[in-house]
Amino acid sequence: MNFDHEELVLMALYNPGNRLGLIQELRLMQCYLMPDETDLRELSEQVIEKLKLLTDAEFAELEFSLD
């Protein structure tokens, strides 16, 4: 699974250490988005959909960077 830089940064910011937890954190974050924050909502949806396709083992191999 290929994640772009923006997706990896978002994942790094909300990552609690496991795939399902990250999905949960992103869903929670979406609850606080304003209606005009469509770009962030779309980005987080993209990440969630990609995370659903990963196994926990594949998730554990990902490296997150805030650079």
C-alpha atoms as a PDB file:
ATOM      1  CA  MET A   1       0.000   0.000   0.000  1.00  0.00           C
ATOM      2  CA  ASN A   2       1.418   3.349  -1.005  1.00  0.00           C
ATOM      3  CA  PHE A   3       0.753   6.344   1.208  1.00  0.00           C
ATOM      4  CA  ASP A   4       1.728   9.821   0.055  1.00  0.00           C
ATOM      5  CA  HIS A   5       3.521  12.331   2.272  1.00  0.00           C
ATOM      6  CA  GLU A   6       0.340  14.094   3.438  1.00  0.00           C
ATOM      7  CA  GLU A   7      -1.254  10.775   4.380  1.00  0.00           C
ATOM      8  CA  LEU A   8       1.827   9.685   6.329  1.00  0.00           C
ATOM      9  CA  VAL A   9       1.953  12.991   8.225  1.00  0.00           C
ATOM     10  CA  LEU A  10      -1.723  12.706   9.145  1.00  0.00           C
ATOM     11  CA  MET A  11      -1.162   9.135  10.281  1.00  0.00           C
ATOM     12  CA  ALA A  12       1.845  10.146  12.370  1.00  0.00           C
ATOM     13  CA  LEU A  13      -0.160  12.856  14.115  1.00  0.00           C
ATOM     14  CA  TYR A  14      -3.016  10.554  15.136  1.00  0.00           C
ATOM     15  CA  ASN A  15      -1.276   7.189  15.449  1.00  0.00           C
ATOM     16  CA  PRO A  16      -1.902   5.562  18.850  1.00  0.00           C
ATOM     17  CA  GLY A  17       0.284   2.609  17.877  1.00  0.00           C
ATOM     18  CA  ASN A  18      -2.061   0.260  16.058  1.00  0.00           C
ATOM     19  CA  ARG A  19      -4.104   0.184  12.869  1.00  0.00           C
ATOM     20  CA  LEU A  20      -7.580  -0.054  14.377  1.00  0.00           C
ATOM     21  CA  GLY A  21      -6.755   2.620  16.927  1.00  0.00           C
ATOM     22  CA  LEU A  22      -5.617   4.940  14.156  1.00  0.00           C
ATOM     23  CA  ILE A  23      -8.856   4.413  12.259  1.00  0.00           C
ATOM     24  CA  GLN A  24     -10.772   5.200  15.442  1.00  0.00           C
ATOM     25  CA  GLU A  25      -8.713   8.347  16.116  1.00  0.00           C
ATOM     26  CA  LEU A  26      -9.230   9.600  12.567  1.00  0.00           C
ATOM     27  CA  ARG A  27     -12.993   9.034  12.846  1.00  0.00           C
ATOM     28  CA  LEU A  28     -13.006  10.952  16.133  1.00  0.00           C
ATOM     29  CA  MET A  29     -11.020  13.788  14.568  1.00  0.00           C
ATOM     30  CA  GLN A  30     -13.567  14.000  11.744  1.00  0.00           C
ATOM     31  CA  CYS A  31     -16.278  14.766  14.312  1.00  0.00           C
ATOM     32  CA  TYR A  32     -14.512  18.035  15.099  1.00  0.00           C
ATOM     33  CA  LEU A  33     -14.020  19.219  11.528  1.00  0.00           C
ATOM     34  CA  MET A  34     -15.863  22.295  10.373  1.00  0.00           C
ATOM     35  CA  PRO A  35     -18.044  21.998   7.250  1.00  0.00           C
ATOM     36  CA  ASP A  36     -15.502  23.925   5.168  1.00  0.00           C
ATOM     37  CA  GLU A  37     -12.627  21.578   6.084  1.00  0.00           C
ATOM     38  CA  THR A  38     -13.396  19.330   3.143  1.00  0.00           C
ATOM     39  CA  ASP A  39      -9.763  18.729   2.166  1.00  0.00           C
ATOM     40  CA  LEU A  40      -8.896  17.309   5.579  1.00  0.00           C
ATOM     41  CA  ARG A  41     -12.080  15.228   5.615  1.00  0.00           C
ATOM     42  CA  GLU A  42     -11.249  13.790   2.183  1.00  0.00           C
ATOM     43  CA  LEU A  43      -7.646  13.102   3.181  1.00  0.00           C
ATOM     44  CA  SER A  44      -8.687  11.334   6.365  1.00  0.00           C
ATOM     45  CA  GLU A  45     -11.257   9.255   4.452  1.00  0.00           C
ATOM     46  CA  GLN A  46      -8.558   8.218   1.959  1.00  0.00           C
ATOM     47  CA  VAL A  47      -6.290   7.150   4.798  1.00  0.00           C
ATOM     48  CA  ILE A  48      -9.060   5.228   6.558  1.00  0.00           C
ATOM     49  CA  GLU A  49      -9.954   3.347   3.375  1.00  0.00           C
ATOM     50  CA  LYS A  50      -6.306   2.417   2.800  1.00  0.00           C
ATOM     51  CA  LEU A  51      -5.885   1.356   6.435  1.00  0.00           C
ATOM     52  CA  LYS A  52      -8.870  -0.975   6.105  1.00  0.00           C
ATOM     53  CA  LEU A  53      -7.015  -2.817   3.336  1.00  0.00           C
ATOM     54  CA  LEU A  54      -3.845  -3.327   5.410  1.00  0.00           C
ATOM     55  CA  THR A  55      -3.172  -6.159   7.790  1.00  0.00           C
ATOM     56  CA  ASP A  56      -1.899  -5.384  11.271  1.00  0.00           C
ATOM     57  CA  ALA A  57       1.481  -6.832  10.270  1.00  0.00           C
ATOM     58  CA  GLU A  58       1.696  -4.532   7.246  1.00  0.00           C
ATOM     59  CA  PHE A  59       0.739  -1.570   9.429  1.00  0.00           C
ATOM     60  CA  ALA A  60       3.496  -2.435  11.899  1.00  0.00           C
ATOM     61  CA  GLU A  61       6.061  -2.148   9.081  1.00  0.00           C
ATOM     62  CA  LEU A  62       5.057   1.419   8.152  1.00  0.00           C
ATOM     63  CA  GLU A  63       7.371   4.273   9.031  1.00  0.00           C
ATOM     64  CA  PHE A  64       5.790   7.597   9.863  1.00  0.00           C
ATOM     65  CA  SER A  65       7.621  10.868   9.446  1.00  0.00           C
ATOM     66  CA  LEU A  66       6.751  14.442  10.297  1.00  0.00           C
ATOM     67  CA  ASP A  67       9.455  15.803   7.983  1.00  0.00           C
END
